Amino acid sequence: MAQSSVDGELIGIDIPPHTCPVCKRVNDAVTCPTDSTARPSTGDISICFTCGSISVFEADFTLRSLKDFELEEEYDVAQRLELAQLQQRIRELHPLDRN
């Protein structure tokens, strides 16, 4: 896949497979909305396109769940609102049994 944006549409960059810690979906690509060639680094966040959970990349491309206090410490109110809106849109596109 290893491509950038085409006509404004975001296309993923291949990375080693990583598993969402919430829904267990295995993903092998990422997309950065502000830099189509960016690769994740340790501490970067990931929003699962299946369940909408927010995780953090470790050095080996594994993901761990982002703790609430980390979200509050690292992101301002506007950024947290944007993340919440993105999560909501993903969850509307991919409804899961959340019981």
C-alpha atoms as a PDB file:
ATOM      1  CA  MET A   1       0.000   0.000   0.000  1.00  0.00           C
ATOM      2  CA  ALA A   2       2.789   2.515   0.940  1.00  0.00           C
ATOM      3  CA  GLN A   3       1.299   5.516  -0.852  1.00  0.00           C
ATOM      4  CA  SER A   4       0.511   9.118  -0.027  1.00  0.00           C
ATOM      5  CA  SER A   5      -2.592  11.148  -0.717  1.00  0.00           C
ATOM      6  CA  VAL A   6      -4.196  11.049  -4.126  1.00  0.00           C
ATOM      7  CA  ASP A   7      -6.532  13.868  -5.121  1.00  0.00           C
ATOM      8  CA  GLY A   8      -6.903  14.806  -1.443  1.00  0.00           C
ATOM      9  CA  GLU A   9      -7.912  11.286  -0.409  1.00  0.00           C
ATOM     10  CA  LEU A  10      -5.807   9.807   2.384  1.00  0.00           C
ATOM     11  CA  ILE A  11      -4.070   6.519   1.679  1.00  0.00           C
ATOM     12  CA  GLY A  12      -2.250   4.431   4.269  1.00  0.00           C
ATOM     13  CA  ILE A  13       1.441   3.841   4.818  1.00  0.00           C
ATOM     14  CA  ASP A  14       2.469   0.225   5.419  1.00  0.00           C
ATOM     15  CA  ILE A  15       3.860  -0.557   8.868  1.00  0.00           C
ATOM     16  CA  PRO A  16       4.344  -3.808  10.808  1.00  0.00           C
ATOM     17  CA  PRO A  17       1.001  -5.338  11.841  1.00  0.00           C
ATOM     18  CA  HIS A  18      -0.381  -3.970  15.104  1.00  0.00           C
ATOM     19  CA  THR A  19      -3.451  -4.979  17.102  1.00  0.00           C
ATOM     20  CA  CYS A  20      -6.038  -2.628  18.569  1.00  0.00           C
ATOM     21  CA  PRO A  21      -6.011  -3.274  22.334  1.00  0.00           C
ATOM     22  CA  VAL A  22      -9.787  -2.788  22.485  1.00  0.00           C
ATOM     23  CA  CYS A  23     -11.373  -4.614  19.522  1.00  0.00           C
ATOM     24  CA  LYS A  24      -8.321  -6.764  18.616  1.00  0.00           C
ATOM     25  CA  ARG A  25      -8.434  -5.740  14.938  1.00  0.00           C
ATOM     26  CA  VAL A  26      -5.056  -6.284  13.269  1.00  0.00           C
ATOM     27  CA  ASN A  27      -3.988  -3.347  11.115  1.00  0.00           C
ATOM     28  CA  ASP A  28      -0.949  -3.045   8.876  1.00  0.00           C
ATOM     29  CA  ALA A  29      -1.210   0.551   7.694  1.00  0.00           C
ATOM     30  CA  VAL A  30      -1.625   4.036   9.121  1.00  0.00           C
ATOM     31  CA  THR A  31      -2.747   7.383   7.775  1.00  0.00           C
ATOM     32  CA  CYS A  32      -1.816  10.776   9.158  1.00  0.00           C
ATOM     33  CA  PRO A  33      -4.390  13.418   8.190  1.00  0.00           C
ATOM     34  CA  THR A  34      -1.794  16.213   8.223  1.00  0.00           C
ATOM     35  CA  ASP A  35       1.193  14.444   6.586  1.00  0.00           C
ATOM     36  CA  SER A  36       0.483  11.631   4.146  1.00  0.00           C
ATOM     37  CA  THR A  37       4.071  10.350   4.345  1.00  0.00           C
ATOM     38  CA  ALA A  38       4.339  10.278   8.152  1.00  0.00           C
ATOM     39  CA  ARG A  39       5.166   7.060   9.987  1.00  0.00           C
ATOM     40  CA  PRO A  40       4.190   6.699  13.647  1.00  0.00           C
ATOM     41  CA  SER A  41       6.771   7.198  16.375  1.00  0.00           C
ATOM     42  CA  THR A  42       6.795   6.104  19.997  1.00  0.00           C
ATOM     43  CA  GLY A  43       4.078   8.023  21.824  1.00  0.00           C
ATOM     44  CA  ASP A  44       2.012   8.919  18.752  1.00  0.00           C
ATOM     45  CA  ILE A  45      -1.682   8.198  19.030  1.00  0.00           C
ATOM     46  CA  SER A  46      -3.745   5.915  16.846  1.00  0.00           C
ATOM     47  CA  ILE A  47      -7.501   5.924  16.432  1.00  0.00           C
ATOM     48  CA  CYS A  48      -8.829   2.514  15.456  1.00  0.00           C
ATOM     49  CA  PHE A  49     -10.953   2.755  12.290  1.00  0.00           C
ATOM     50  CA  THR A  50     -12.958  -0.250  13.473  1.00  0.00           C
ATOM     51  CA  CYS A  51     -13.946   0.676  17.051  1.00  0.00           C
ATOM     52  CA  GLY A  52     -12.768   4.290  17.453  1.00  0.00           C
ATOM     53  CA  SER A  53     -10.580   3.639  20.487  1.00  0.00           C
ATOM     54  CA  ILE A  54      -7.542   5.853  21.060  1.00  0.00           C
ATOM     55  CA  SER A  55      -4.245   4.047  21.595  1.00  0.00           C
ATOM     56  CA  VAL A  56      -0.569   4.948  21.811  1.00  0.00           C
ATOM     57  CA  PHE A  57       2.213   3.461  19.688  1.00  0.00           C
ATOM     58  CA  GLU A  58       5.096   1.825  21.521  1.00  0.00           C
ATOM     59  CA  ALA A  59       8.597   1.594  19.966  1.00  0.00           C
ATOM     60  CA  ASP A  60       7.856  -1.852  18.463  1.00  0.00           C
ATOM     61  CA  PHE A  61       4.573  -0.696  16.828  1.00  0.00           C
ATOM     62  CA  THR A  62       2.437  -2.410  19.448  1.00  0.00           C
ATOM     63  CA  LEU A  63      -0.425  -0.333  20.772  1.00  0.00           C
ATOM     64  CA  ARG A  64      -1.552   0.293  24.322  1.00  0.00           C
ATOM     65  CA  SER A  65      -4.723   2.019  25.446  1.00  0.00           C
ATOM     66  CA  LEU A  66      -4.382   5.727  26.122  1.00  0.00           C
ATOM     67  CA  LYS A  67      -5.115   6.531  29.755  1.00  0.00           C
ATOM     68  CA  ASP A  68      -7.575   9.349  30.508  1.00  0.00           C
ATOM     69  CA  PHE A  69      -4.965  11.369  32.398  1.00  0.00           C
ATOM     70  CA  GLU A  70      -2.600  11.149  29.399  1.00  0.00           C
ATOM     71  CA  LEU A  71      -5.289  12.515  27.115  1.00  0.00           C
ATOM     72  CA  GLU A  72      -5.936  15.404  29.502  1.00  0.00           C
ATOM     73  CA  GLU A  73      -2.224  16.153  29.993  1.00  0.00           C
ATOM     74  CA  GLU A  74      -1.173  15.965  26.347  1.00  0.00           C
ATOM     75  CA  TYR A  75      -4.120  17.493  24.485  1.00  0.00           C
ATOM     76  CA  ASP A  76      -6.002  20.737  24.960  1.00  0.00           C
ATOM     77  CA  VAL A  77      -9.794  20.972  25.066  1.00  0.00           C
ATOM     78  CA  ALA A  78     -10.148  21.680  21.342  1.00  0.00           C
ATOM     79  CA  GLN A  79      -7.954  18.696  20.432  1.00  0.00           C
ATOM     80  CA  ARG A  80      -9.858  16.385  22.784  1.00  0.00           C
ATOM     81  CA  LEU A  81     -13.143  17.568  21.270  1.00  0.00           C
ATOM     82  CA  GLU A  82     -11.811  16.863  17.773  1.00  0.00           C
ATOM     83  CA  LEU A  83     -10.729  13.362  18.839  1.00  0.00           C
ATOM     84  CA  ALA A  84     -14.136  12.710  20.422  1.00  0.00           C
ATOM     85  CA  GLN A  85     -15.911  13.830  17.249  1.00  0.00           C
ATOM     86  CA  LEU A  86     -13.707  11.573  15.138  1.00  0.00           C
ATOM     87  CA  GLN A  87     -14.413   8.643  17.473  1.00  0.00           C
ATOM     88  CA  GLN A  88     -18.134   9.301  17.156  1.00  0.00           C
ATOM     89  CA  ARG A  89     -17.984   9.334  13.347  1.00  0.00           C
ATOM     90  CA  ILE A  90     -16.028   6.071  13.305  1.00  0.00           C
ATOM     91  CA  ARG A  91     -18.471   4.437  15.702  1.00  0.00           C
ATOM     92  CA  GLU A  92     -21.401   5.540  13.550  1.00  0.00           C
ATOM     93  CA  LEU A  93     -19.726   3.988  10.492  1.00  0.00           C
ATOM     94  CA  HIS A  94     -18.754   0.796  12.307  1.00  0.00           C
ATOM     95  CA  PRO A  95     -21.310   0.062  15.021  1.00  0.00           C
ATOM     96  CA  LEU A  96     -20.125  -2.690  17.362  1.00  0.00           C
ATOM     97  CA  ASP A  97     -21.805  -4.502  20.193  1.00  0.00           C
ATOM     98  CA  ARG A  98     -20.568  -2.272  23.035  1.00  0.00           C
ATOM     99  CA  ASN A  99     -22.240  -4.148  25.899  1.00  0.00           C
END
